[in-house]
């Protein structure tokens, strides 16, 4: 368990890449899993423009009651 004070950044091993630009980001960042609001909006725009697709057809278990 890390005993780092709150003001110290976490180690490089704890960081994950931003889902939009790939920049390393700490999981405790408020924008996680993105590095900024801009990257969050870029990702949202990709969904709106149908750049992303659902990988399989919906099954009965996927549908809500």
C-alpha atoms as a PDB file:
ATOM      1  CA  UNK A   1       0.000   0.000   0.000  1.00  0.00           C
ATOM      2  CA  UNK A   2       1.344   3.439  -0.876  1.00  0.00           C
ATOM      3  CA  UNK A   3       1.967   5.876   1.928  1.00  0.00           C
ATOM      4  CA  UNK A   4       2.303   8.914  -0.320  1.00  0.00           C
ATOM      5  CA  UNK A   5       0.970  12.245   0.883  1.00  0.00           C
ATOM      6  CA  UNK A   6      -2.046  13.505  -1.063  1.00  0.00           C
ATOM      7  CA  UNK A   7      -0.040  16.261  -2.754  1.00  0.00           C
ATOM      8  CA  UNK A   8       2.433  13.852  -4.410  1.00  0.00           C
ATOM      9  CA  UNK A   9       1.594  12.372  -7.805  1.00  0.00           C
ATOM     10  CA  UNK A  10       1.283   8.616  -8.058  1.00  0.00           C
ATOM     11  CA  UNK A  11       3.950   6.539  -9.763  1.00  0.00           C
ATOM     12  CA  UNK A  12       4.140   6.102 -13.521  1.00  0.00           C
ATOM     13  CA  UNK A  13       2.987   2.470 -13.079  1.00  0.00           C
ATOM     14  CA  UNK A  14      -0.367   3.644 -11.669  1.00  0.00           C
ATOM     15  CA  UNK A  15      -1.092   5.827 -14.689  1.00  0.00           C
ATOM     16  CA  UNK A  16      -3.239   4.684 -17.622  1.00  0.00           C
ATOM     17  CA  UNK A  17      -3.419   6.204 -21.114  1.00  0.00           C
ATOM     18  CA  UNK A  18      -6.189   8.680 -21.923  1.00  0.00           C
ATOM     19  CA  UNK A  19      -8.797   6.939 -24.077  1.00  0.00           C
ATOM     20  CA  UNK A  20      -8.764   9.800 -26.545  1.00  0.00           C
ATOM     21  CA  UNK A  21      -5.184  11.061 -26.931  1.00  0.00           C
ATOM     22  CA  UNK A  22      -3.091   8.439 -25.106  1.00  0.00           C
ATOM     23  CA  UNK A  23      -1.513  10.870 -22.625  1.00  0.00           C
ATOM     24  CA  UNK A  24      -0.749   9.173 -19.259  1.00  0.00           C
ATOM     25  CA  UNK A  25      -3.407   9.955 -16.638  1.00  0.00           C
ATOM     26  CA  UNK A  26      -3.737   9.083 -12.979  1.00  0.00           C
ATOM     27  CA  UNK A  27      -6.912   7.129 -12.092  1.00  0.00           C
ATOM     28  CA  UNK A  28      -7.628   9.628  -9.295  1.00  0.00           C
ATOM     29  CA  UNK A  29      -7.903  12.508 -11.803  1.00  0.00           C
ATOM     30  CA  UNK A  30     -11.466  13.924 -11.910  1.00  0.00           C
ATOM     31  CA  UNK A  31     -11.608  13.545 -15.720  1.00  0.00           C
ATOM     32  CA  UNK A  32     -10.530   9.880 -15.639  1.00  0.00           C
ATOM     33  CA  UNK A  33     -10.525   7.896 -17.986  1.00  0.00           C
ATOM     34  CA  UNK A  34      -9.760  11.016 -20.030  1.00  0.00           C
ATOM     35  CA  UNK A  35      -7.005  13.569 -19.393  1.00  0.00           C
ATOM     36  CA  UNK A  36      -9.257  16.610 -19.896  1.00  0.00           C
ATOM     37  CA  UNK A  37     -12.793  17.756 -20.645  1.00  0.00           C
ATOM     38  CA  UNK A  38     -11.678  18.326 -24.237  1.00  0.00           C
ATOM     39  CA  UNK A  39     -10.725  14.645 -24.673  1.00  0.00           C
ATOM     40  CA  UNK A  40     -14.011  13.626 -23.038  1.00  0.00           C
ATOM     41  CA  UNK A  41     -15.922  15.741 -25.587  1.00  0.00           C
ATOM     42  CA  UNK A  42     -13.861  14.396 -28.498  1.00  0.00           C
ATOM     43  CA  UNK A  43     -14.845  10.869 -27.444  1.00  0.00           C
ATOM     44  CA  UNK A  44     -18.501  11.868 -27.070  1.00  0.00           C
ATOM     45  CA  UNK A  45     -18.397  13.408 -30.551  1.00  0.00           C
ATOM     46  CA  UNK A  46     -17.077  10.140 -31.965  1.00  0.00           C
ATOM     47  CA  UNK A  47     -20.109   8.347 -30.517  1.00  0.00           C
ATOM     48  CA  UNK A  48     -22.481  10.973 -31.952  1.00  0.00           C
ATOM     49  CA  UNK A  49     -20.839  10.710 -35.379  1.00  0.00           C
ATOM     50  CA  UNK A  50     -21.182   6.913 -35.224  1.00  0.00           C
ATOM     51  CA  UNK A  51     -17.415   6.391 -35.400  1.00  0.00           C
ATOM     52  CA  UNK A  52     -17.808   3.737 -32.697  1.00  0.00           C
ATOM     53  CA  UNK A  53     -19.985   0.676 -33.109  1.00  0.00           C
ATOM     54  CA  UNK A  54     -21.444  -1.943 -30.788  1.00  0.00           C
ATOM     55  CA  UNK A  55     -19.414  -5.092 -31.430  1.00  0.00           C
ATOM     56  CA  UNK A  56     -22.285  -7.603 -31.427  1.00  0.00           C
ATOM     57  CA  UNK A  57     -26.058  -7.715 -31.814  1.00  0.00           C
ATOM     58  CA  UNK A  58     -28.137  -7.276 -28.671  1.00  0.00           C
ATOM     59  CA  UNK A  59     -29.328 -10.413 -26.901  1.00  0.00           C
ATOM     60  CA  UNK A  60     -32.489 -10.784 -24.819  1.00  0.00           C
ATOM     61  CA  UNK A  61     -30.390 -10.529 -21.626  1.00  0.00           C
ATOM     62  CA  UNK A  62     -29.065  -7.118 -22.780  1.00  0.00           C
ATOM     63  CA  UNK A  63     -32.489  -5.495 -22.966  1.00  0.00           C
ATOM     64  CA  UNK A  64     -33.959  -3.716 -19.966  1.00  0.00           C
ATOM     65  CA  UNK A  65     -37.417  -4.564 -18.665  1.00  0.00           C
END
